[in-house]
Amino acid sequence: QVQLVESGGGLVQPGGSLRLSCAASGFTFSAYAMSWYRQAPGKERDFVARISLPGATTTYADSVKGRFTISRDNAKNTVYLQMNSLKPDDTAVYYCKLVRYQTDYWGQGTQVTVSS
């Protein structure tokens, strides 16, 4: 079955960096686009970034453009989110997402807290 496992979250000071990972299994990873979303307390889950199939076209939310970079390693079945110049507004639970056969699959999320 499909499994998505996020890791790499934590507490970081404003201006700092983190790299999130999402390890995928149970499907042909290289055949699907992958996305990152985030959900802050009391808010809806919002799109952050997406990376397409092997052509690796990337798309970002305006709020993270220029600071975050999504990438993938098809040999490791893993998608990454490099987050630089972090701001308190980036505090949220970060989730990776797969859409396969019109079904959404989510990981359990990883908490990112940006605070001094």
Protein backbone atom coordinates (compact mmCIF):
# COMPACT_ATOMS: atom_id res chain seq x y z
CA GLN A 1 0.00 0.00 0.00
CA VAL A 2 1.02 3.61 -0.48
CA GLN A 3 3.08 5.04 2.36
CA LEU A 4 4.47 8.55 2.69
CA VAL A 5 6.69 9.30 5.66
CA GLU A 6 7.87 12.84 6.31
CA SER A 7 10.87 13.76 8.44
CA GLY A 8 13.25 16.63 9.09
CA GLY A 9 11.02 19.08 10.91
CA GLY A 10 12.00 20.88 14.08
CA LEU A 11 12.52 24.19 15.81
CA VAL A 12 14.58 26.79 13.95
CA GLN A 13 15.27 30.49 14.42
CA PRO A 14 14.03 33.05 11.91
CA GLY A 15 16.39 33.19 8.96
CA GLY A 16 17.42 29.58 9.44
CA SER A 17 17.10 26.55 7.19
CA LEU A 18 15.62 23.08 7.29
CA ARG A 19 15.40 20.24 4.81
CA LEU A 20 12.32 18.07 4.88
CA SER A 21 12.22 14.58 3.40
CA CYS A 22 9.30 12.42 2.32
CA ALA A 23 10.09 8.74 1.83
CA ALA A 24 7.60 7.01 -0.44
CA SER A 25 6.74 3.35 -0.94
CA GLY A 26 4.02 1.15 -2.36
CA PHE A 27 3.89 2.69 -5.84
CA THR A 28 6.15 3.54 -8.79
CA PHE A 29 7.56 6.77 -7.37
CA SER A 30 9.23 7.93 -10.58
CA ALA A 31 5.91 7.90 -12.44
CA TYR A 32 4.11 10.49 -10.30
CA ALA A 33 4.29 14.15 -9.46
CA MET A 34 4.71 14.90 -5.76
CA SER A 35 3.70 17.92 -3.71
CA TRP A 36 4.27 19.56 -0.34
CA TYR A 37 1.49 21.25 1.62
CA ARG A 38 1.39 22.86 5.03
CA GLN A 39 -1.20 23.56 7.69
CA ALA A 40 -0.80 26.22 10.36
CA PRO A 41 -2.87 26.07 13.57
CA GLY A 42 -6.46 27.10 12.90
CA LYS A 43 -5.92 27.40 9.15
CA GLU A 44 -6.59 25.31 6.09
CA ARG A 45 -3.99 23.11 4.48
CA ASP A 46 -2.24 25.12 1.78
CA PHE A 47 -0.17 24.22 -1.26
CA VAL A 48 3.57 24.87 -0.94
CA ALA A 49 5.37 23.24 -3.87
CA ARG A 50 5.07 20.58 -6.56
CA ILE A 51 7.54 18.65 -8.67
CA SER A 52 6.47 16.88 -11.82
CA LEU A 53 7.55 13.63 -13.41
CA PRO A 54 11.14 12.99 -14.53
CA GLY A 55 11.21 16.33 -16.34
CA ALA A 56 11.15 17.80 -12.81
CA THR A 57 9.16 20.94 -13.54
CA THR A 58 8.59 22.77 -10.26
CA THR A 59 5.81 25.06 -9.06
CA TYR A 60 5.72 27.12 -5.85
CA ALA A 61 3.30 29.13 -3.80
CA ASP A 62 4.07 32.83 -4.01
CA SER A 63 4.75 32.91 -0.27
CA VAL A 64 7.73 30.56 -0.56
CA LYS A 65 9.06 31.36 -4.03
CA GLY A 66 12.77 32.12 -3.93
CA ARG A 67 13.18 30.63 -0.43
CA PHE A 68 12.06 27.00 -0.78
CA THR A 69 13.26 24.39 -3.27
CA ILE A 70 11.52 21.10 -4.01
CA SER A 71 13.54 18.23 -5.46
CA ARG A 72 13.31 14.48 -5.87
CA ASP A 73 15.61 11.47 -5.92
CA ASN A 74 13.88 8.73 -7.87
CA ALA A 75 16.59 6.21 -6.90
CA LYS A 76 15.73 6.76 -3.22
CA ASN A 77 11.96 7.21 -3.71
CA THR A 78 12.23 10.46 -1.81
CA VAL A 79 11.04 14.02 -2.32
CA TYR A 80 12.70 16.90 -0.48
CA LEU A 81 11.82 20.43 0.53
CA GLN A 82 14.79 22.69 1.20
CA MET A 83 13.57 25.67 3.21
CA ASN A 84 15.81 28.73 3.58
CA SER A 85 15.28 32.17 5.09
CA LEU A 86 12.55 30.77 7.29
CA LYS A 87 10.01 33.14 8.82
CA PRO A 88 7.64 32.71 11.78
CA ASP A 89 4.78 32.57 9.25
CA ASP A 90 6.29 29.33 7.92
CA THR A 91 5.40 27.60 11.18
CA ALA A 92 3.10 24.70 10.31
CA VAL A 93 2.80 20.97 9.95
CA TYR A 94 4.25 20.05 6.56
CA TYR A 95 2.78 17.19 4.55
CA CYS A 96 3.76 15.48 1.32
CA LYS A 97 1.01 14.48 -1.06
CA LEU A 98 0.55 12.01 -3.89
CA VAL A 99 -2.38 11.98 -6.29
CA ARG A 100 -2.76 8.53 -7.83
CA TYR A 101 -5.80 7.25 -9.70
CA GLN A 102 -7.72 10.37 -8.57
CA THR A 103 -7.06 9.52 -4.90
CA ASP A 104 -5.12 11.78 -2.55
CA TYR A 105 -2.53 10.20 -0.29
CA TRP A 106 -0.95 12.09 2.60
CA GLY A 107 1.83 11.44 5.02
CA GLN A 108 1.50 11.97 8.76
CA GLY A 109 3.21 15.35 8.60
CA THR A 110 6.25 16.89 10.25
CA GLN A 111 6.15 19.95 12.49
CA VAL A 112 8.19 23.01 11.57
CA THR A 113 8.37 25.79 14.15
CA VAL A 114 10.15 29.04 13.36
CA SER A 115 10.73 31.04 16.53
CA SER A 116 13.43 32.90 18.39
